[in-house]
Amino acid sequence: MSRLGPVITLTAGAVLAVGLGVASITATPAADTPAVTGDNAAGTTGNTTGTNAPVAESTPEPSATPTFEESVPAAPRRADYAGRVKGNGGLIAISVRDGKAIGYFCDGRTEVWFKGDATGDELVLKGSGGAKVEAELGDGRATGRVSVGGKSWTFVAPVAKKPSGLYRASAIVRGARIRAGWIVLRDPQGGFTQVGTAFAGDEQVPVPRLDGDEPTGPVTVGGTTVYPEDVDGFIEEMR
C-alpha cells in the first residue's frame, strides 16, 4: 500500500469537516441577534432611521372653523307705530321707549293694552286674558299679528308721526275711575281716522272724538272733563 493513502484520507476528512462547520454556521442564526420584524424590517433598529425606512406622513390638524355670532338688530330706542287691523276694522298702536314697549288695540267695542320688552326687532307684547301682539319692526313699520279673545288678525302699522299715535286720559271722580284710550291715524287723503273706548268704573260709556289737529285738548267722558295725554305722558305708568 502506498504511504499517500492515509494522508489523502485525512485530508479529505478535514475538508469535509470544514465544509460541515461552514454549513452549520450559515444555517443557525446568532442567539443574540433579534429577529427583525415590523418597522425594523427595512434595516432599522431602535430609533435609528435608515435611508430606506418609511417616513411617517404628518396628518395636518383640522383647521378650526370660525364661528360668527348672528347679530340681532336692536330695537329702536324710540318709535311709534299705528295702523289698521286687517279683517277687524280696528286700529293698533305700538310705542317703543328705551327697551320697553306698550301697545293698544281697539275696534270701538273691545280694547286691550299690551306691554313687553323691546330689545330686538321682534316684539312679543302681552295683555290681559291671554291677548298677545307679535310684531316685527323694520322698513319703517311694524308688521305682525294681534290675538284677542280667541281670534287673531294681521296688521301693518307704519311709523306714526304726530298727531297720529296713541292717547289716553284718566281721572278719579267720587272714588270711580274715569278712563279712555284712543288711536288717531292720519288719512292719506286728509282728515283722521280714530277709534277708542271709555269707561266710568266698570261701565263702558260713549267715547268722545278727539280733535285731530289738537288731540290733547280737553274732552268730556261720563260727565267729567279729562285731558288726554300722548304716549310720553303715561308710558312710564304702563311699563
Foldseek 3Di string as FASTA:
>chain_A
DDPCVVVVVVVVVVVVVVVVVVVVPVVDDDPPDDDQDDQCPVPDDDPDDDPPGDDDDDDDDDDDDDDDDDDFAFFDQWFKWKWAWPPQCWIKIKIHHRQKIKMWIFNQPDIWIWIDTGGGQWDWTATPPGWIWTWGDDPQWIWTWTDDPNDMTTIIIGTDDPPFGKKKWWDADPNWIKIKIKGWAADPVGDIDMHMWIDTHPHTDDDDDADRNCRQDWDDDPNDIIGMDGCVVCVVVVD
